[in-house]
N, C-alpha and C. Protein backbone atom coordinates (compact mmCIF):
# COMPACT_ATOMS: atom_id res chain seq x y z
N MET A 1 -95.92 -7.87 188.01
CA MET A 1 -96.52 -7.85 189.22
C MET A 1 -95.75 -8.22 190.46
N ILE A 2 -96.24 -7.63 191.71
CA ILE A 2 -95.50 -7.51 192.43
C ILE A 2 -96.05 -7.89 193.98
N ASP A 3 -95.67 -9.01 194.57
CA ASP A 3 -96.59 -9.25 195.63
C ASP A 3 -95.91 -8.57 196.89
N ALA A 4 -97.13 -7.72 197.56
CA ALA A 4 -96.77 -7.24 198.42
C ALA A 4 -97.56 -7.49 199.66
N SER A 5 -97.63 -9.42 199.90
CA SER A 5 -97.86 -9.45 200.79
C SER A 5 -96.88 -9.96 201.83
N VAL A 6 -96.75 -9.46 203.07
CA VAL A 6 -95.75 -10.01 204.38
C VAL A 6 -96.67 -10.81 205.79
N ALA A 7 -95.53 -11.86 206.05
CA ALA A 7 -95.51 -12.73 207.01
C ALA A 7 -95.65 -12.07 208.09
N VAL A 8 -96.02 -11.98 208.87
CA VAL A 8 -96.12 -10.88 210.41
C VAL A 8 -96.37 -12.07 211.25
N GLN A 9 -95.19 -11.92 212.19
CA GLN A 9 -94.72 -13.06 213.07
C GLN A 9 -94.92 -12.15 214.42
N SER A 10 -95.89 -12.70 215.57
CA SER A 10 -96.14 -11.96 217.21
C SER A 10 -94.90 -11.96 217.68
N VAL A 11 -94.43 -10.92 218.35
CA VAL A 11 -93.74 -10.71 219.19
C VAL A 11 -93.74 -9.86 220.74
N THR A 12 -92.54 -11.13 221.73
CA THR A 12 -93.48 -10.57 223.14
C THR A 12 -92.50 -10.17 223.80
N VAL A 13 -92.45 -9.13 224.44
CA VAL A 13 -91.14 -8.58 224.81
C VAL A 13 -91.30 -8.60 226.67
N SER A 14 -90.58 -9.72 227.40
CA SER A 14 -90.57 -9.62 229.03
C SER A 14 -89.32 -9.19 229.75
N THR A 15 -89.56 -9.05 230.78
CA THR A 15 -88.07 -8.56 231.88
C THR A 15 -87.96 -10.19 232.37
N ALA A 16 -87.02 -9.97 233.18
CA ALA A 16 -87.07 -11.15 234.16
C ALA A 16 -85.28 -11.31 234.70
N ARG A 17 -85.41 -11.37 236.17
CA ARG A 17 -84.24 -11.17 237.18
C ARG A 17 -83.15 -12.29 236.72
N SER A 18 -83.94 -13.20 236.00
CA SER A 18 -82.46 -14.43 235.83
C SER A 18 -82.82 -15.11 234.10
N VAL A 19 -81.98 -15.65 233.69
CA VAL A 19 -82.13 -16.22 232.42
C VAL A 19 -83.25 -17.00 232.18
N PRO A 20 -84.54 -17.18 231.59
CA PRO A 20 -85.19 -18.29 231.35
C PRO A 20 -84.58 -19.31 231.01
N SER A 21 -84.96 -20.57 231.72
CA SER A 21 -84.17 -21.93 231.38
C SER A 21 -84.81 -22.33 229.49
N ASP A 22 -85.59 -21.45 229.33
CA ASP A 22 -85.88 -21.94 227.82
C ASP A 22 -85.32 -21.16 226.34
N ALA A 23 -84.43 -20.35 226.93
CA ALA A 23 -83.75 -19.07 226.30
C ALA A 23 -82.95 -19.86 225.37
N GLU A 24 -82.80 -19.59 224.11
CA GLU A 24 -82.15 -20.02 223.64
C GLU A 24 -80.53 -19.29 222.92
N ALA A 25 -81.08 -18.04 223.07
CA ALA A 25 -79.87 -17.08 222.46
C ALA A 25 -80.04 -16.37 223.58
N VAL A 26 -78.92 -15.88 224.38
CA VAL A 26 -78.57 -14.68 225.53
C VAL A 26 -77.62 -13.70 225.18
N GLY A 27 -78.09 -12.26 225.09
CA GLY A 27 -77.22 -11.46 225.18
C GLY A 27 -76.44 -10.67 226.42
N PHE A 28 -75.20 -10.08 226.66
CA PHE A 28 -74.63 -9.73 227.87
C PHE A 28 -74.35 -8.74 227.32
N ALA A 29 -74.64 -7.24 227.82
CA ALA A 29 -73.92 -5.67 227.81
C ALA A 29 -72.63 -6.27 227.96
N VAL A 30 -71.53 -5.74 227.27
CA VAL A 30 -70.37 -5.51 228.12
C VAL A 30 -69.65 -4.31 227.37
N GLY A 31 -69.33 -3.61 228.62
CA GLY A 31 -68.32 -2.17 228.31
C GLY A 31 -66.97 -2.40 227.96
N GLU A 32 -66.63 -1.27 227.94
CA GLU A 32 -65.11 -1.22 227.38
C GLU A 32 -63.85 -1.13 228.59
N LYS A 33 -64.33 -1.05 229.80
CA LYS A 33 -63.94 -1.66 231.00
C LYS A 33 -64.86 -2.44 232.13
N GLY A 34 -64.53 -2.70 233.16
CA GLY A 34 -65.13 -3.06 234.41
C GLY A 34 -65.50 -4.70 234.08
N ALA A 35 -66.05 -5.39 234.75
CA ALA A 35 -66.37 -6.18 234.97
C ALA A 35 -66.80 -7.35 233.60
N VAL A 36 -66.77 -8.28 233.56
CA VAL A 36 -67.27 -8.70 232.35
C VAL A 36 -68.47 -9.88 232.70
N PRO A 37 -69.59 -10.10 232.72
CA PRO A 37 -70.89 -11.04 232.96
C PRO A 37 -70.67 -12.12 232.99
N ARG A 38 -70.20 -12.71 234.60
CA ARG A 38 -69.73 -14.31 235.15
C ARG A 38 -70.49 -15.23 233.93
N GLN A 39 -71.67 -15.24 233.67
CA GLN A 39 -72.47 -16.02 232.84
C GLN A 39 -72.40 -16.14 231.36
N LEU A 40 -71.71 -14.95 230.83
CA LEU A 40 -70.77 -15.26 229.37
C LEU A 40 -69.67 -16.41 229.54
N GLY A 41 -68.93 -16.76 230.56
CA GLY A 41 -67.81 -17.72 230.41
C GLY A 41 -67.15 -17.64 230.36
N LEU A 42 -66.36 -16.23 229.63
CA LEU A 42 -65.38 -15.80 229.36
C LEU A 42 -64.58 -14.29 230.01
N SER A 43 -63.55 -14.00 229.97
CA SER A 43 -62.95 -13.25 231.03
C SER A 43 -62.50 -12.11 230.00
N ARG A 44 -62.17 -10.56 230.59
CA ARG A 44 -61.64 -9.81 229.51
C ARG A 44 -60.62 -10.00 228.31
N SER A 45 -59.96 -10.74 228.96
CA SER A 45 -58.49 -11.28 228.43
C SER A 45 -58.88 -12.26 227.02
N ALA A 46 -59.43 -13.03 227.35
CA ALA A 46 -60.25 -13.96 226.12
C ALA A 46 -60.91 -13.52 225.61
N LEU A 47 -61.97 -12.73 226.27
CA LEU A 47 -62.59 -11.59 225.02
C LEU A 47 -61.53 -10.71 224.06
N LYS A 48 -60.87 -10.06 224.68
CA LYS A 48 -59.89 -9.28 224.41
C LYS A 48 -58.82 -10.07 222.87
N ALA A 49 -58.42 -11.85 223.65
CA ALA A 49 -57.98 -12.08 222.33
C ALA A 49 -58.93 -13.07 221.08
N ASN A 50 -60.12 -12.78 221.09
CA ASN A 50 -61.22 -12.60 220.36
C ASN A 50 -61.66 -11.65 219.46
N GLY A 51 -60.85 -10.55 219.51
CA GLY A 51 -60.98 -9.07 219.15
C GLY A 51 -62.22 -8.50 219.29
N PHE A 52 -62.24 -8.43 220.62
CA PHE A 52 -63.89 -7.53 221.45
C PHE A 52 -63.22 -7.23 222.53
N ASP A 53 -63.52 -5.43 222.59
CA ASP A 53 -62.73 -5.11 223.37
C ASP A 53 -64.03 -3.91 224.14
N GLY A 54 -65.29 -4.69 223.68
CA GLY A 54 -66.46 -3.90 224.06
C GLY A 54 -66.87 -2.76 223.16
N LYS A 55 -66.29 -2.41 222.76
CA LYS A 55 -66.94 -1.13 222.03
C LYS A 55 -68.40 -0.75 221.57
N SER A 56 -68.94 -0.14 221.10
CA SER A 56 -69.83 0.13 220.50
C SER A 56 -70.16 -0.61 219.21
N GLY A 57 -71.12 -1.51 219.20
CA GLY A 57 -71.59 -2.00 217.93
C GLY A 57 -70.63 -3.56 217.87
N GLN A 58 -69.77 -3.40 218.79
CA GLN A 58 -69.16 -4.58 218.84
C GLN A 58 -70.07 -5.97 219.17
N LEU A 59 -70.00 -7.51 218.16
CA LEU A 59 -70.54 -8.67 218.57
C LEU A 59 -69.66 -9.59 218.74
N LEU A 60 -69.19 -10.66 219.68
CA LEU A 60 -69.09 -11.68 220.16
C LEU A 60 -69.79 -13.20 219.97
N SER A 61 -70.22 -13.68 219.09
CA SER A 61 -71.25 -14.38 219.22
C SER A 61 -70.14 -15.95 219.71
N ILE A 62 -70.73 -16.87 220.96
CA ILE A 62 -70.27 -18.11 221.43
C ILE A 62 -71.00 -19.15 221.35
N PRO A 63 -71.22 -20.02 220.33
CA PRO A 63 -71.97 -21.05 220.68
C PRO A 63 -71.86 -21.71 221.85
N ASN A 64 -73.25 -22.18 222.24
CA ASN A 64 -73.07 -22.65 223.89
C ASN A 64 -74.53 -23.90 223.63
N GLY A 65 -74.04 -25.22 223.86
CA GLY A 65 -74.66 -26.09 223.14
C GLY A 65 -75.55 -25.96 222.08
N ASP A 66 -77.13 -26.09 222.04
CA ASP A 66 -77.77 -25.94 221.20
C ASP A 66 -78.57 -24.40 220.89
N GLY A 67 -77.54 -23.46 221.96
CA GLY A 67 -77.99 -22.16 221.83
C GLY A 67 -76.55 -20.92 221.59
N LEU A 68 -76.85 -19.85 222.20
CA LEU A 68 -75.86 -19.22 221.69
C LEU A 68 -75.83 -18.40 222.62
N LEU A 69 -74.31 -17.82 222.72
CA LEU A 69 -74.55 -16.25 223.88
C LEU A 69 -73.75 -15.17 223.55
N VAL A 70 -74.08 -13.96 223.58
CA VAL A 70 -73.58 -13.05 221.91
C VAL A 70 -73.08 -11.93 223.23
N ALA A 71 -71.64 -11.58 223.08
CA ALA A 71 -71.08 -10.66 224.19
C ALA A 71 -71.42 -9.16 223.32
N VAL A 72 -72.14 -8.00 223.60
CA VAL A 72 -72.80 -7.14 223.28
C VAL A 72 -72.11 -5.98 223.48
N GLY A 73 -71.14 -5.07 223.03
CA GLY A 73 -70.28 -3.92 222.91
C GLY A 73 -71.22 -2.67 223.69
N ILE A 74 -71.34 -1.96 224.59
CA ILE A 74 -71.81 -0.77 224.67
C ILE A 74 -71.09 -0.09 224.88
N GLY A 75 -69.51 0.04 224.39
CA GLY A 75 -68.67 1.19 224.71
C GLY A 75 -68.18 1.85 226.38
N ASP A 76 -68.69 2.82 226.54
CA ASP A 76 -68.02 3.56 228.19
C ASP A 76 -69.74 3.36 229.17
N ALA A 77 -69.50 2.35 229.54
CA ALA A 77 -70.78 2.00 230.38
C ALA A 77 -71.06 3.43 231.38
N ASP A 78 -70.53 4.34 231.36
CA ASP A 78 -71.12 5.62 232.26
C ASP A 78 -71.62 6.46 231.31
N ASP A 79 -71.38 6.13 229.96
CA ASP A 79 -71.97 6.91 228.38
C ASP A 79 -73.64 6.47 228.36
N VAL A 80 -73.64 5.27 228.36
CA VAL A 80 -74.91 4.53 227.62
C VAL A 80 -76.23 5.19 228.42
N ASP A 81 -76.82 5.54 226.97
CA ASP A 81 -78.61 6.49 226.69
C ASP A 81 -79.20 5.24 226.28
N ALA A 82 -80.40 5.64 226.09
CA ALA A 82 -81.78 4.77 225.70
C ALA A 82 -80.93 4.34 223.99
N ASN A 83 -80.42 5.30 223.41
CA ASN A 83 -80.52 5.12 221.92
C ASN A 83 -79.27 4.21 221.91
N GLU A 84 -78.47 4.04 223.10
CA GLU A 84 -77.22 2.76 222.42
C GLU A 84 -78.25 1.58 223.12
N LEU A 85 -78.78 1.54 224.33
CA LEU A 85 -79.46 0.44 224.64
C LEU A 85 -80.29 0.09 223.24
N ARG A 86 -81.03 0.96 222.50
CA ARG A 86 -81.69 -0.03 221.28
C ARG A 86 -80.59 -0.40 220.21
N ARG A 87 -79.43 0.08 219.98
CA ARG A 87 -78.75 -0.25 218.65
C ARG A 87 -78.14 -1.27 219.60
N ALA A 88 -77.87 -1.52 220.61
CA ALA A 88 -77.25 -3.11 221.26
C ALA A 88 -78.34 -3.97 221.16
N ALA A 89 -79.65 -3.95 221.65
CA ALA A 89 -80.73 -4.71 221.45
C ALA A 89 -81.03 -4.91 220.38
N ALA A 90 -80.69 -4.13 219.32
CA ALA A 90 -81.10 -4.50 217.82
C ALA A 90 -79.71 -5.39 217.12
N SER A 91 -78.70 -4.87 217.48
CA SER A 91 -77.50 -5.41 217.01
C SER A 91 -77.87 -6.95 217.38
N PHE A 92 -77.98 -7.50 218.21
CA PHE A 92 -78.17 -8.78 219.69
C PHE A 92 -79.32 -9.46 218.57
N ALA A 93 -80.40 -8.62 218.34
CA ALA A 93 -81.56 -9.21 217.62
C ALA A 93 -80.50 -10.20 216.54
N ARG A 94 -80.21 -8.79 215.69
CA ARG A 94 -79.59 -9.37 214.20
C ARG A 94 -78.63 -10.76 214.80
N ALA A 95 -78.04 -10.78 215.57
CA ALA A 95 -76.91 -11.90 215.56
C ALA A 95 -77.73 -12.95 216.32
N ALA A 96 -78.72 -13.37 216.86
CA ALA A 96 -79.27 -14.09 216.82
C ALA A 96 -81.02 -14.17 216.26
N SER A 97 -80.69 -14.24 215.65
CA SER A 97 -82.32 -14.28 214.14
C SER A 97 -82.30 -15.52 213.90
N LYS A 98 -81.52 -16.05 214.08
CA LYS A 98 -82.20 -17.72 213.79
C LYS A 98 -82.99 -18.46 214.95
N PHE A 99 -82.84 -18.16 216.37
CA PHE A 99 -83.28 -18.22 217.44
C PHE A 99 -84.89 -17.57 217.58
N GLU A 100 -85.24 -18.46 218.49
CA GLU A 100 -87.16 -18.21 218.64
C GLU A 100 -87.00 -17.44 219.75
N ARG A 101 -86.23 -18.09 220.80
CA ARG A 101 -86.33 -17.36 222.00
C ARG A 101 -85.17 -16.59 222.62
N LEU A 102 -85.25 -15.41 222.79
CA LEU A 102 -84.09 -14.92 222.86
C LEU A 102 -84.01 -14.07 224.31
């Protein structure tokens, strides 16, 4: 016998101009060139030293106190489209899956 029951969680998505104080994990889009978001707390050279170049699909998780910061590679920022944003968001969600407030 196969149990086909599935637990369903409620998910709420909202936007904000700044990171909410109760966020446990925060993702930052980082391209292959250009500025690195200062909130990430790492320079481009520090990211590269950790094997992160900003290529599409790359992730670098950085523990931050009780939470997590995640650099999410988006490739060439001039070529980002809706599909790339969906892939980046899904990658971030998987990397931060143990946290409730992203």
